[in-house]
């Protein structure tokens, strides 16, 4: 039996974009044991995933080296045939280096890539999707070049949102960790007002997004139950997305959640650009961005906490839901 460890300790969306690697390994090796390492807080998105044996977590709020030592001890005991590191930064590279895996695979940008038996070039900006880049790490096994991400809301997750899906509805996920990835608040208000003429509108996000969602709800005249920020788990949100007429998202985690349940998706790209490779993968999906050519765009892989030019013109995206 082959034993694999897949490492992705970045953000939620990155974990979702790692699921094609997991599903391809299971397709190629049906009897394989596939374990996954993610940062603490992201593990729940992988619940019910039948291709995964167990999920380990890296608590980045604990002492880095004590956490690495703890995980390395566990991984050496497992005796992995292959450790596949999708993350490109030092802590995951050190874990890979010390894991005891017989074969180590990862991207060349990781500072510990010197220890990799197979090293793949990671290039952003050429239009290749991140899923395609990830799958290149297991191309030596005969993996497909593009496989869609998947997550698996349980029956209980669907039941938890059943009262919300009885009538046609739309979901809006207006927040992002990076402010310049976020469509301006006034644009979300405009969108909510337009969509409310066609069906129910729900605002979704984490607990930290509640204030933003509440301001949008009030300004757009939506009823109080429309603000679901912090009220649903990750997989309950995915269950909700799966029944939506359409999901409206930024270039952020909810975009990939929508892709993972293959729901119709509209993604707004402000400071970042689609050619970075993080666009939606739903069968019915579209990308909207400013029509203005801006010399400052993109201003970075993740955008920033504020527009470095002070004008945020990349957020001037036309809203035209009729």
C-alpha atoms as a PDB file:
ATOM      1  CA  UNK A   1       0.000   0.000   0.000  1.00  0.00           C
ATOM      2  CA  UNK A   2       1.347   3.414  -1.015  1.00  0.00           C
ATOM      3  CA  UNK A   3       1.443   6.078   1.691  1.00  0.00           C
ATOM      4  CA  UNK A   4       1.220   9.730   0.652  1.00  0.00           C
ATOM      5  CA  UNK A   5       1.353  12.961   2.620  1.00  0.00           C
ATOM      6  CA  UNK A   6       0.017  16.081   0.880  1.00  0.00           C
ATOM      7  CA  UNK A   7       1.017  19.406   2.469  1.00  0.00           C
ATOM      8  CA  UNK A   8      -0.796  22.712   1.933  1.00  0.00           C
ATOM      9  CA  UNK A   9      -0.582  25.032   4.931  1.00  0.00           C
ATOM     10  CA  UNK A  10      -1.601  28.266   3.183  1.00  0.00           C
ATOM     11  CA  UNK A  11      -5.078  29.810   3.020  1.00  0.00           C
ATOM     12  CA  UNK A  12      -8.467  28.110   2.736  1.00  0.00           C
ATOM     13  CA  UNK A  13      -8.672  28.541  -1.032  1.00  0.00           C
ATOM     14  CA  UNK A  14      -5.255  26.945  -1.442  1.00  0.00           C
ATOM     15  CA  UNK A  15      -6.443  23.880   0.480  1.00  0.00           C
ATOM     16  CA  UNK A  16      -9.459  23.560  -1.807  1.00  0.00           C
ATOM     17  CA  UNK A  17      -7.185  23.849  -4.849  1.00  0.00           C
ATOM     18  CA  UNK A  18      -5.128  20.969  -3.420  1.00  0.00           C
ATOM     19  CA  UNK A  19      -8.062  18.535  -3.545  1.00  0.00           C
ATOM     20  CA  UNK A  20      -7.470  17.567  -7.201  1.00  0.00           C
ATOM     21  CA  UNK A  21      -4.058  16.202  -6.180  1.00  0.00           C
ATOM     22  CA  UNK A  22      -5.745  14.088  -3.528  1.00  0.00           C
ATOM     23  CA  UNK A  23      -8.452  12.762  -5.845  1.00  0.00           C
ATOM     24  CA  UNK A  24      -5.941  11.985  -8.601  1.00  0.00           C
ATOM     25  CA  UNK A  25      -3.676  10.063  -6.237  1.00  0.00           C
ATOM     26  CA  UNK A  26      -6.676   8.019  -5.119  1.00  0.00           C
ATOM     27  CA  UNK A  27      -7.715   7.370  -8.717  1.00  0.00           C
ATOM     28  CA  UNK A  28      -4.222   6.208  -9.603  1.00  0.00           C
ATOM     29  CA  UNK A  29      -3.702   4.243  -6.377  1.00  0.00           C
ATOM     30  CA  UNK A  30      -7.120   3.110  -5.083  1.00  0.00           C
ATOM     31  CA  UNK A  31      -5.616   1.347  -2.070  1.00  0.00           C
ATOM     32  CA  UNK A  32      -3.329   4.226  -1.088  1.00  0.00           C
ATOM     33  CA  UNK A  33      -3.370   5.890   2.319  1.00  0.00           C
ATOM     34  CA  UNK A  34      -3.483   9.651   1.718  1.00  0.00           C
ATOM     35  CA  UNK A  35      -2.937  12.025   4.618  1.00  0.00           C
ATOM     36  CA  UNK A  36      -3.056  15.814   4.477  1.00  0.00           C
ATOM     37  CA  UNK A  37      -1.414  18.604   6.478  1.00  0.00           C
ATOM     38  CA  UNK A  38      -3.187  21.986   6.608  1.00  0.00           C
ATOM     39  CA  UNK A  39      -2.999  25.013   8.883  1.00  0.00           C
ATOM     40  CA  UNK A  40      -5.265  24.852  11.921  1.00  0.00           C
ATOM     41  CA  UNK A  41      -8.662  26.315  11.077  1.00  0.00           C
ATOM     42  CA  UNK A  42      -8.826  24.911   7.556  1.00  0.00           C
ATOM     43  CA  UNK A  43      -9.248  21.246   8.421  1.00  0.00           C
ATOM     44  CA  UNK A  44     -13.054  21.319   8.499  1.00  0.00           C
ATOM     45  CA  UNK A  45     -13.286  21.963   4.743  1.00  0.00           C
ATOM     46  CA  UNK A  46     -11.866  18.447   4.214  1.00  0.00           C
ATOM     47  CA  UNK A  47     -14.392  16.679   6.456  1.00  0.00           C
ATOM     48  CA  UNK A  48     -16.240  13.817   4.746  1.00  0.00           C
ATOM     49  CA  UNK A  49     -13.577  13.592   2.011  1.00  0.00           C
ATOM     50  CA  UNK A  50     -13.550   9.870   1.305  1.00  0.00           C
ATOM     51  CA  UNK A  51     -10.123   9.949  -0.377  1.00  0.00           C
ATOM     52  CA  UNK A  52      -8.379  11.179   2.780  1.00  0.00           C
ATOM     53  CA  UNK A  53      -7.313   8.881   5.606  1.00  0.00           C
ATOM     54  CA  UNK A  54      -6.473  11.565   8.163  1.00  0.00           C
ATOM     55  CA  UNK A  55      -5.908  15.305   8.372  1.00  0.00           C
ATOM     56  CA  UNK A  56      -3.079  16.803  10.424  1.00  0.00           C
ATOM     57  CA  UNK A  57      -2.986  20.465  11.419  1.00  0.00           C
ATOM     58  CA  UNK A  58      -0.155  22.955  11.827  1.00  0.00           C
ATOM     59  CA  UNK A  59      -1.006  25.507  14.499  1.00  0.00           C
ATOM     60  CA  UNK A  60       0.811  28.634  13.370  1.00  0.00           C
ATOM     61  CA  UNK A  61      -0.103  30.400  16.617  1.00  0.00           C
ATOM     62  CA  UNK A  62       2.007  27.935  18.601  1.00  0.00           C
ATOM     63  CA  UNK A  63       5.787  28.000  18.632  1.00  0.00           C
ATOM     64  CA  UNK A  64       6.911  27.244  15.077  1.00  0.00           C
ATOM     65  CA  UNK A  65       9.721  24.871  15.937  1.00  0.00           C
ATOM     66  CA  UNK A  66       7.804  22.974  18.608  1.00  0.00           C
ATOM     67  CA  UNK A  67       4.995  22.430  16.100  1.00  0.00           C
ATOM     68  CA  UNK A  68       7.426  21.286  13.419  1.00  0.00           C
ATOM     69  CA  UNK A  69       9.077  18.908  15.882  1.00  0.00           C
ATOM     70  CA  UNK A  70       5.689  17.460  16.882  1.00  0.00           C
ATOM     71  CA  UNK A  71       4.603  16.900  13.290  1.00  0.00           C
ATOM     72  CA  UNK A  72       7.935  15.481  12.157  1.00  0.00           C
ATOM     73  CA  UNK A  73       7.745  12.891  14.921  1.00  0.00           C
ATOM     74  CA  UNK A  74       4.274  11.853  13.716  1.00  0.00           C
ATOM     75  CA  UNK A  75       5.256  11.759  10.054  1.00  0.00           C
ATOM     76  CA  UNK A  76       8.409   9.721  10.611  1.00  0.00           C
ATOM     77  CA  UNK A  77       6.296   7.150  12.427  1.00  0.00           C
ATOM     78  CA  UNK A  78       3.961   6.934   9.415  1.00  0.00           C
ATOM     79  CA  UNK A  79       6.781   6.090   7.004  1.00  0.00           C
ATOM     80  CA  UNK A  80       5.459   7.863   3.903  1.00  0.00           C
ATOM     81  CA  UNK A  81       6.463   6.691   0.460  1.00  0.00           C
ATOM     82  CA  UNK A  82       6.022  10.203  -0.894  1.00  0.00           C
ATOM     83  CA  UNK A  83       5.603  13.652   0.641  1.00  0.00           C
ATOM     84  CA  UNK A  84       4.102  16.200  -1.767  1.00  0.00           C
ATOM     85  CA  UNK A  85       4.445  19.816  -0.649  1.00  0.00           C
ATOM     86  CA  UNK A  86       2.201  22.281  -2.490  1.00  0.00           C
ATOM     87  CA  UNK A  87       3.207  25.143  -0.192  1.00  0.00           C
ATOM     88  CA  UNK A  88       6.105  27.359  -1.221  1.00  0.00           C
ATOM     89  CA  UNK A  89       7.373  28.682   2.105  1.00  0.00           C
ATOM     90  CA  UNK A  90       9.873  27.675   4.738  1.00  0.00           C
ATOM     91  CA  UNK A  91       7.925  25.969   7.523  1.00  0.00           C
ATOM     92  CA  UNK A  92       6.330  23.421   5.207  1.00  0.00           C
ATOM     93  CA  UNK A  93       9.659  22.945   3.441  1.00  0.00           C
ATOM     94  CA  UNK A  94      11.388  22.145   6.706  1.00  0.00           C
ATOM     95  CA  UNK A  95       8.649  19.659   7.582  1.00  0.00           C
ATOM     96  CA  UNK A  96       9.068  18.014   4.177  1.00  0.00           C
ATOM     97  CA  UNK A  97      12.843  17.871   4.607  1.00  0.00           C
ATOM     98  CA  UNK A  98      12.605  16.212   8.030  1.00  0.00           C
ATOM     99  CA  UNK A  99       9.512  14.073   7.336  1.00  0.00           C
ATOM    100  CA  UNK A 100      11.372  10.877   6.563  1.00  0.00           C
ATOM    101  CA  UNK A 101       9.480  10.478   3.302  1.00  0.00           C
ATOM    102  CA  UNK A 102      11.200   8.194   0.812  1.00  0.00           C
ATOM    103  CA  UNK A 103      10.460  10.643  -2.004  1.00  0.00           C
ATOM    104  CA  UNK A 104       9.949  14.366  -1.574  1.00  0.00           C
ATOM    105  CA  UNK A 105       8.206  16.486  -4.203  1.00  0.00           C
ATOM    106  CA  UNK A 106       7.554  20.216  -4.322  1.00  0.00           C
ATOM    107  CA  UNK A 107       7.958  23.547  -6.068  1.00  0.00           C
ATOM    108  CA  UNK A 108      11.315  25.151  -6.776  1.00  0.00           C
ATOM    109  CA  UNK A 109      10.374  28.356  -4.929  1.00  0.00           C
ATOM    110  CA  UNK A 110      10.399  26.654  -1.530  1.00  0.00           C
ATOM    111  CA  UNK A 111      13.624  27.504   0.348  1.00  0.00           C
ATOM    112  CA  UNK A 112      13.959  23.810   1.247  1.00  0.00           C
ATOM    113  CA  UNK A 113      13.578  22.617  -2.341  1.00  0.00           C
ATOM    114  CA  UNK A 114      17.177  21.388  -2.206  1.00  0.00           C
ATOM    115  CA  UNK A 115      15.844  18.304  -0.426  1.00  0.00           C
ATOM    116  CA  UNK A 116      13.255  17.452  -3.080  1.00  0.00           C
ATOM    117  CA  UNK A 117      13.736  14.380  -5.243  1.00  0.00           C
ATOM    118  CA  UNK A 118      11.369  15.957  -7.763  1.00  0.00           C
ATOM    119  CA  UNK A 119      11.337  19.722  -8.088  1.00  0.00           C
ATOM    120  CA  UNK A 120       8.767  21.493 -10.285  1.00  0.00           C
ATOM    121  CA  UNK A 121       8.992  25.068 -11.479  1.00  0.00           C
ATOM    122  CA  UNK A 122       6.204  27.268 -10.119  1.00  0.00           C
ATOM    123  CA  UNK A 123       5.413  30.156 -12.439  1.00  0.00           C
ATOM    124  CA  UNK A 124       2.590  32.630 -11.898  1.00  0.00           C
ATOM    125  CA  UNK A 125       1.270  34.940 -14.583  1.00  0.00           C
ATOM    126  CA  UNK A 126       1.281  32.739 -17.678  1.00  0.00           C
ATOM    127  CA  UNK A 127      -2.423  31.889 -17.481  1.00  0.00           C
ATOM    128  CA  UNK A 128      -1.958  28.381 -16.095  1.00  0.00           C
ATOM    129  CA  UNK A 129      -4.406  27.614 -13.292  1.00  0.00           C
ATOM    130  CA  UNK A 130      -3.098  26.813  -9.817  1.00  0.00           C
ATOM    131  CA  UNK A 131      -4.804  23.423 -10.045  1.00  0.00           C
ATOM    132  CA  UNK A 132      -2.732  22.660 -13.142  1.00  0.00           C
ATOM    133  CA  UNK A 133       0.434  23.750 -11.353  1.00  0.00           C
ATOM    134  CA  UNK A 134      -0.410  21.530  -8.389  1.00  0.00           C
ATOM    135  CA  UNK A 135      -1.110  18.517 -10.588  1.00  0.00           C
ATOM    136  CA  UNK A 136       2.313  18.898 -12.210  1.00  0.00           C
ATOM    137  CA  UNK A 137       3.705  17.728  -8.863  1.00  0.00           C
ATOM    138  CA  UNK A 138       2.234  14.283  -9.497  1.00  0.00           C
ATOM    139  CA  UNK A 139       2.663  14.171 -13.272  1.00  0.00           C
ATOM    140  CA  UNK A 140       5.270  11.422 -12.760  1.00  0.00           C
ATOM    141  CA  UNK A 141       2.402   9.226 -11.561  1.00  0.00           C
ATOM    142  CA  UNK A 142       0.390   9.870 -14.742  1.00  0.00           C
ATOM    143  CA  UNK A 143      -2.002  12.456 -13.294  1.00  0.00           C
ATOM    144  CA  UNK A 144      -4.454  14.344 -15.477  1.00  0.00           C
ATOM    145  CA  UNK A 145      -3.531  17.943 -16.295  1.00  0.00           C
ATOM    146  CA  UNK A 146      -6.744  19.507 -14.982  1.00  0.00           C
ATOM    147  CA  UNK A 147      -9.155  18.068 -12.426  1.00  0.00           C
ATOM    148  CA  UNK A 148     -11.794  20.157 -10.686  1.00  0.00           C
ATOM    149  CA  UNK A 149     -11.642  20.702  -6.926  1.00  0.00           C
ATOM    150  CA  UNK A 150     -14.242  18.983  -4.755  1.00  0.00           C
ATOM    151  CA  UNK A 151     -15.497  19.269  -1.202  1.00  0.00           C
ATOM    152  CA  UNK A 152     -18.195  17.164   0.402  1.00  0.00           C
ATOM    153  CA  UNK A 153     -20.915  18.777   2.525  1.00  0.00           C
ATOM    154  CA  UNK A 154     -22.668  16.101   4.575  1.00  0.00           C
ATOM    155  CA  UNK A 155     -26.381  15.413   4.782  1.00  0.00           C
ATOM    156  CA  UNK A 156     -26.302  17.286   8.087  1.00  0.00           C
ATOM    157  CA  UNK A 157     -24.700  20.295   6.379  1.00  0.00           C
ATOM    158  CA  UNK A 158     -27.445  20.346   3.760  1.00  0.00           C
ATOM    159  CA  UNK A 159     -30.096  19.945   6.445  1.00  0.00           C
ATOM    160  CA  UNK A 160     -28.658  22.897   8.379  1.00  0.00           C
ATOM    161  CA  UNK A 161     -29.342  25.224   5.433  1.00  0.00           C
ATOM    162  CA  UNK A 162     -32.520  23.557   4.157  1.00  0.00           C
ATOM    163  CA  UNK A 163     -34.712  26.402   5.437  1.00  0.00           C
ATOM    164  CA  UNK A 164     -32.640  28.876   3.423  1.00  0.00           C
ATOM    165  CA  UNK A 165     -32.928  27.164   0.044  1.00  0.00           C
ATOM    166  CA  UNK A 166     -36.682  26.795  -0.327  1.00  0.00           C
ATOM    167  CA  UNK A 167     -36.931  29.748  -2.737  1.00  0.00           C
ATOM    168  CA  UNK A 168     -34.571  30.959  -5.497  1.00  0.00           C
ATOM    169  CA  UNK A 169     -31.631  32.824  -3.976  1.00  0.00           C
ATOM    170  CA  UNK A 170     -28.233  34.371  -4.651  1.00  0.00           C
ATOM    171  CA  UNK A 171     -25.191  34.463  -2.403  1.00  0.00           C
ATOM    172  CA  UNK A 172     -22.767  37.361  -2.037  1.00  0.00           C
ATOM    173  CA  UNK A 173     -19.391  36.924  -0.326  1.00  0.00           C
ATOM    174  CA  UNK A 174     -18.123  40.516  -0.104  1.00  0.00           C
ATOM    175  CA  UNK A 175     -15.070  40.156   2.151  1.00  0.00           C
ATOM    176  CA  UNK A 176     -11.437  39.267   1.568  1.00  0.00           C
ATOM    177  CA  UNK A 177      -8.361  39.036   3.765  1.00  0.00           C
ATOM    178  CA  UNK A 178      -6.760  41.508   1.352  1.00  0.00           C
ATOM    179  CA  UNK A 179      -8.698  44.770   1.064  1.00  0.00           C
ATOM    180  CA  UNK A 180      -7.694  45.491  -2.538  1.00  0.00           C
ATOM    181  CA  UNK A 181      -9.046  42.105  -3.614  1.00  0.00           C
ATOM    182  CA  UNK A 182     -12.425  43.230  -2.336  1.00  0.00           C
ATOM    183  CA  UNK A 183     -15.024  44.808  -4.598  1.00  0.00           C
ATOM    184  CA  UNK A 184     -15.882  48.205  -3.047  1.00  0.00           C
ATOM    185  CA  UNK A 185     -18.705  48.157  -0.520  1.00  0.00           C
ATOM    186  CA  UNK A 186     -20.920  50.472  -2.586  1.00  0.00           C
ATOM    187  CA  UNK A 187     -20.700  48.038  -5.494  1.00  0.00           C
ATOM    188  CA  UNK A 188     -21.936  45.185  -3.303  1.00  0.00           C
ATOM    189  CA  UNK A 189     -24.853  47.357  -2.193  1.00  0.00           C
ATOM    190  CA  UNK A 190     -25.703  48.060  -5.817  1.00  0.00           C
ATOM    191  CA  UNK A 191     -25.475  44.362  -6.694  1.00  0.00           C
ATOM    192  CA  UNK A 192     -27.623  43.305  -3.726  1.00  0.00           C
ATOM    193  CA  UNK A 193     -30.324  45.796  -4.691  1.00  0.00           C
ATOM    194  CA  UNK A 194     -30.399  44.514  -8.264  1.00  0.00           C
ATOM    195  CA  UNK A 195     -30.501  40.839  -7.270  1.00  0.00           C
ATOM    196  CA  UNK A 196     -33.190  41.404  -4.627  1.00  0.00           C
ATOM    197  CA  UNK A 197     -35.591  42.131  -7.481  1.00  0.00           C
ATOM    198  CA  UNK A 198     -35.090  38.568  -8.750  1.00  0.00           C
ATOM    199  CA  UNK A 199     -34.851  36.488  -5.592  1.00  0.00           C
ATOM    200  CA  UNK A 200     -33.590  36.212  -2.046  1.00  0.00           C
ATOM    201  CA  UNK A 201     -30.075  37.529  -1.364  1.00  0.00           C
ATOM    202  CA  UNK A 202     -27.773  36.124   1.320  1.00  0.00           C
ATOM    203  CA  UNK A 203     -24.531  37.726   2.504  1.00  0.00           C
ATOM    204  CA  UNK A 204     -21.996  35.123   3.613  1.00  0.00           C
ATOM    205  CA  UNK A 205     -18.611  35.189   5.303  1.00  0.00           C
ATOM    206  CA  UNK A 206     -16.777  34.401   8.498  1.00  0.00           C
ATOM    207  CA  UNK A 207     -17.343  35.939  11.937  1.00  0.00           C
ATOM    208  CA  UNK A 208     -14.910  38.749  11.125  1.00  0.00           C
ATOM    209  CA  UNK A 209     -16.990  39.723   8.100  1.00  0.00           C
ATOM    210  CA  UNK A 210     -20.173  40.431  10.036  1.00  0.00           C
ATOM    211  CA  UNK A 211     -19.795  44.219  10.239  1.00  0.00           C
ATOM    212  CA  UNK A 212     -19.169  44.553   6.499  1.00  0.00           C
ATOM    213  CA  UNK A 213     -22.094  42.281   5.643  1.00  0.00           C
ATOM    214  CA  UNK A 214     -24.376  44.125   8.040  1.00  0.00           C
ATOM    215  CA  UNK A 215     -23.513  47.503   6.523  1.00  0.00           C
ATOM    216  CA  UNK A 216     -24.242  46.136   3.054  1.00  0.00           C
ATOM    217  CA  UNK A 217     -27.490  44.578   4.255  1.00  0.00           C
ATOM    218  CA  UNK A 218     -28.742  47.804   5.803  1.00  0.00           C
ATOM    219  CA  UNK A 219     -27.675  50.020   2.899  1.00  0.00           C
ATOM    220  CA  UNK A 220     -29.293  47.732   0.335  1.00  0.00           C
ATOM    221  CA  UNK A 221     -32.523  47.302   2.307  1.00  0.00           C
ATOM    222  CA  UNK A 222     -32.258  43.545   2.771  1.00  0.00           C
ATOM    223  CA  UNK A 223     -34.125  41.906   5.675  1.00  0.00           C
ATOM    224  CA  UNK A 224     -32.156  41.017   8.805  1.00  0.00           C
ATOM    225  CA  UNK A 225     -31.915  37.234   8.094  1.00  0.00           C
ATOM    226  CA  UNK A 226     -29.957  38.029   4.912  1.00  0.00           C
ATOM    227  CA  UNK A 227     -26.728  38.450   6.893  1.00  0.00           C
ATOM    228  CA  UNK A 228     -25.316  34.956   7.425  1.00  0.00           C
ATOM    229  CA  UNK A 229     -21.748  36.025   8.213  1.00  0.00           C
ATOM    230  CA  UNK A 230     -20.349  33.844  10.985  1.00  0.00           C
ATOM    231  CA  UNK A 231     -23.518  31.757  11.223  1.00  0.00           C
ATOM    232  CA  UNK A 232     -22.510  28.835   8.993  1.00  0.00           C
ATOM    233  CA  UNK A 233     -19.605  26.415   9.019  1.00  0.00           C
ATOM    234  CA  UNK A 234     -17.418  26.167   5.936  1.00  0.00           C
ATOM    235  CA  UNK A 235     -19.206  23.082   4.633  1.00  0.00           C
ATOM    236  CA  UNK A 236     -22.628  24.499   5.483  1.00  0.00           C
ATOM    237  CA  UNK A 237     -21.668  27.507   3.362  1.00  0.00           C
ATOM    238  CA  UNK A 238     -20.676  25.123   0.566  1.00  0.00           C
ATOM    239  CA  UNK A 239     -24.024  23.356   0.917  1.00  0.00           C
ATOM    240  CA  UNK A 240     -25.739  26.737   0.596  1.00  0.00           C
ATOM    241  CA  UNK A 241     -23.618  27.679  -2.430  1.00  0.00           C
ATOM    242  CA  UNK A 242     -24.503  24.405  -4.143  1.00  0.00           C
ATOM    243  CA  UNK A 243     -28.189  25.396  -4.268  1.00  0.00           C
ATOM    244  CA  UNK A 244     -27.722  29.055  -5.248  1.00  0.00           C
ATOM    245  CA  UNK A 245     -28.830  30.436  -8.574  1.00  0.00           C
ATOM    246  CA  UNK A 246     -25.466  32.194  -8.601  1.00  0.00           C
ATOM    247  CA  UNK A 247     -22.615  33.018  -6.228  1.00  0.00           C
ATOM    248  CA  UNK A 248     -20.887  36.397  -6.386  1.00  0.00           C
ATOM    249  CA  UNK A 249     -17.370  36.412  -4.980  1.00  0.00           C
ATOM    250  CA  UNK A 250     -14.023  38.192  -4.881  1.00  0.00           C
ATOM    251  CA  UNK A 251     -10.714  36.565  -5.768  1.00  0.00           C
ATOM    252  CA  UNK A 252     -10.731  34.784  -2.402  1.00  0.00           C
ATOM    253  CA  UNK A 253     -11.690  31.603  -0.551  1.00  0.00           C
ATOM    254  CA  UNK A 254     -15.450  31.636  -1.326  1.00  0.00           C
ATOM    255  CA  UNK A 255     -14.605  31.642  -5.042  1.00  0.00           C
ATOM    256  CA  UNK A 256     -12.929  28.254  -4.638  1.00  0.00           C
ATOM    257  CA  UNK A 257     -15.692  26.990  -2.351  1.00  0.00           C
ATOM    258  CA  UNK A 258     -18.168  27.752  -5.143  1.00  0.00           C
ATOM    259  CA  UNK A 259     -15.953  25.983  -7.690  1.00  0.00           C
ATOM    260  CA  UNK A 260     -15.719  22.953  -5.409  1.00  0.00           C
ATOM    261  CA  UNK A 261     -19.504  22.460  -5.521  1.00  0.00           C
ATOM    262  CA  UNK A 262     -19.698  23.483  -9.203  1.00  0.00           C
ATOM    263  CA  UNK A 263     -22.235  26.254  -8.707  1.00  0.00           C
ATOM    264  CA  UNK A 264     -22.704  29.181 -11.139  1.00  0.00           C
ATOM    265  CA  UNK A 265     -20.161  31.819 -10.168  1.00  0.00           C
ATOM    266  CA  UNK A 266     -19.324  35.434 -10.916  1.00  0.00           C
ATOM    267  CA  UNK A 267     -15.884  36.444  -9.669  1.00  0.00           C
ATOM    268  CA  UNK A 268     -14.724  40.041  -9.311  1.00  0.00           C
ATOM    269  CA  UNK A 269     -11.010  40.670  -9.806  1.00  0.00           C
ATOM    270  CA  UNK A 270      -9.784  44.029  -8.525  1.00  0.00           C
ATOM    271  CA  UNK A 271      -6.076  44.349  -7.657  1.00  0.00           C
ATOM    272  CA  UNK A 272      -5.245  40.838  -8.871  1.00  0.00           C
ATOM    273  CA  UNK A 273      -5.662  39.424 -12.373  1.00  0.00           C
ATOM    274  CA  UNK A 274      -7.051  36.152 -13.762  1.00  0.00           C
ATOM    275  CA  UNK A 275      -3.768  35.214 -15.439  1.00  0.00           C
ATOM    276  CA  UNK A 276      -2.332  34.495 -11.980  1.00  0.00           C
ATOM    277  CA  UNK A 277      -4.349  31.264 -12.197  1.00  0.00           C
ATOM    278  CA  UNK A 278      -6.897  31.493  -9.400  1.00  0.00           C
ATOM    279  CA  UNK A 279     -10.091  31.951 -11.394  1.00  0.00           C
ATOM    280  CA  UNK A 280     -13.363  30.035 -10.993  1.00  0.00           C
ATOM    281  CA  UNK A 281     -13.641  26.472 -12.318  1.00  0.00           C
ATOM    282  CA  UNK A 282     -17.412  25.967 -12.205  1.00  0.00           C
ATOM    283  CA  UNK A 283     -19.004  24.889 -15.481  1.00  0.00           C
ATOM    284  CA  UNK A 284     -20.952  28.165 -15.478  1.00  0.00           C
ATOM    285  CA  UNK A 285     -18.569  30.894 -14.401  1.00  0.00           C
ATOM    286  CA  UNK A 286     -17.523  34.372 -15.403  1.00  0.00           C
ATOM    287  CA  UNK A 287     -14.875  36.884 -14.413  1.00  0.00           C
ATOM    288  CA  UNK A 288     -15.506  40.607 -14.187  1.00  0.00           C
ATOM    289  CA  UNK A 289     -12.776  43.212 -13.937  1.00  0.00           C
ATOM    290  CA  UNK A 290     -12.260  46.862 -14.717  1.00  0.00           C
ATOM    291  CA  UNK A 291     -12.298  47.840 -18.378  1.00  0.00           C
ATOM    292  CA  UNK A 292      -9.709  50.540 -17.710  1.00  0.00           C
ATOM    293  CA  UNK A 293      -6.085  49.732 -18.518  1.00  0.00           C
ATOM    294  CA  UNK A 294      -4.094  50.475 -15.363  1.00  0.00           C
ATOM    295  CA  UNK A 295      -0.306  50.496 -15.287  1.00  0.00           C
ATOM    296  CA  UNK A 296      -0.417  49.703 -11.557  1.00  0.00           C
ATOM    297  CA  UNK A 297      -2.498  46.533 -11.941  1.00  0.00           C
ATOM    298  CA  UNK A 298      -1.751  43.972 -10.692  1.00  0.00           C
ATOM    299  CA  UNK A 299      -0.040  45.480  -7.679  1.00  0.00           C
ATOM    300  CA  UNK A 300       0.970  42.071  -6.298  1.00  0.00           C
ATOM    301  CA  UNK A 301      -0.024  38.437  -6.022  1.00  0.00           C
ATOM    302  CA  UNK A 302      -2.380  39.139  -3.112  1.00  0.00           C
ATOM    303  CA  UNK A 303      -3.118  42.797  -3.654  1.00  0.00           C
ATOM    304  CA  UNK A 304      -2.657  44.729  -0.430  1.00  0.00           C
ATOM    305  CA  UNK A 305      -4.277  46.210   2.646  1.00  0.00           C
ATOM    306  CA  UNK A 306      -4.728  49.506   0.789  1.00  0.00           C
ATOM    307  CA  UNK A 307      -4.308  50.817  -2.741  1.00  0.00           C
ATOM    308  CA  UNK A 308      -0.661  51.945  -3.069  1.00  0.00           C
ATOM    309  CA  UNK A 309      -1.753  54.628  -5.560  1.00  0.00           C
ATOM    310  CA  UNK A 310      -4.597  55.879  -3.386  1.00  0.00           C
ATOM    311  CA  UNK A 311      -7.307  55.685  -6.068  1.00  0.00           C
ATOM    312  CA  UNK A 312      -8.386  51.984  -6.162  1.00  0.00           C
ATOM    313  CA  UNK A 313      -9.496  52.318  -9.785  1.00  0.00           C
ATOM    314  CA  UNK A 314      -9.240  48.542 -10.238  1.00  0.00           C
ATOM    315  CA  UNK A 315     -12.370  48.275  -8.094  1.00  0.00           C
ATOM    316  CA  UNK A 316     -14.371  50.259 -10.637  1.00  0.00           C
ATOM    317  CA  UNK A 317     -16.143  47.225 -12.077  1.00  0.00           C
ATOM    318  CA  UNK A 318     -19.474  47.542 -13.845  1.00  0.00           C
ATOM    319  CA  UNK A 319     -22.408  45.941 -12.003  1.00  0.00           C
ATOM    320  CA  UNK A 320     -25.214  45.103 -14.394  1.00  0.00           C
ATOM    321  CA  UNK A 321     -27.514  42.401 -13.010  1.00  0.00           C
ATOM    322  CA  UNK A 322     -30.888  42.993 -14.691  1.00  0.00           C
END
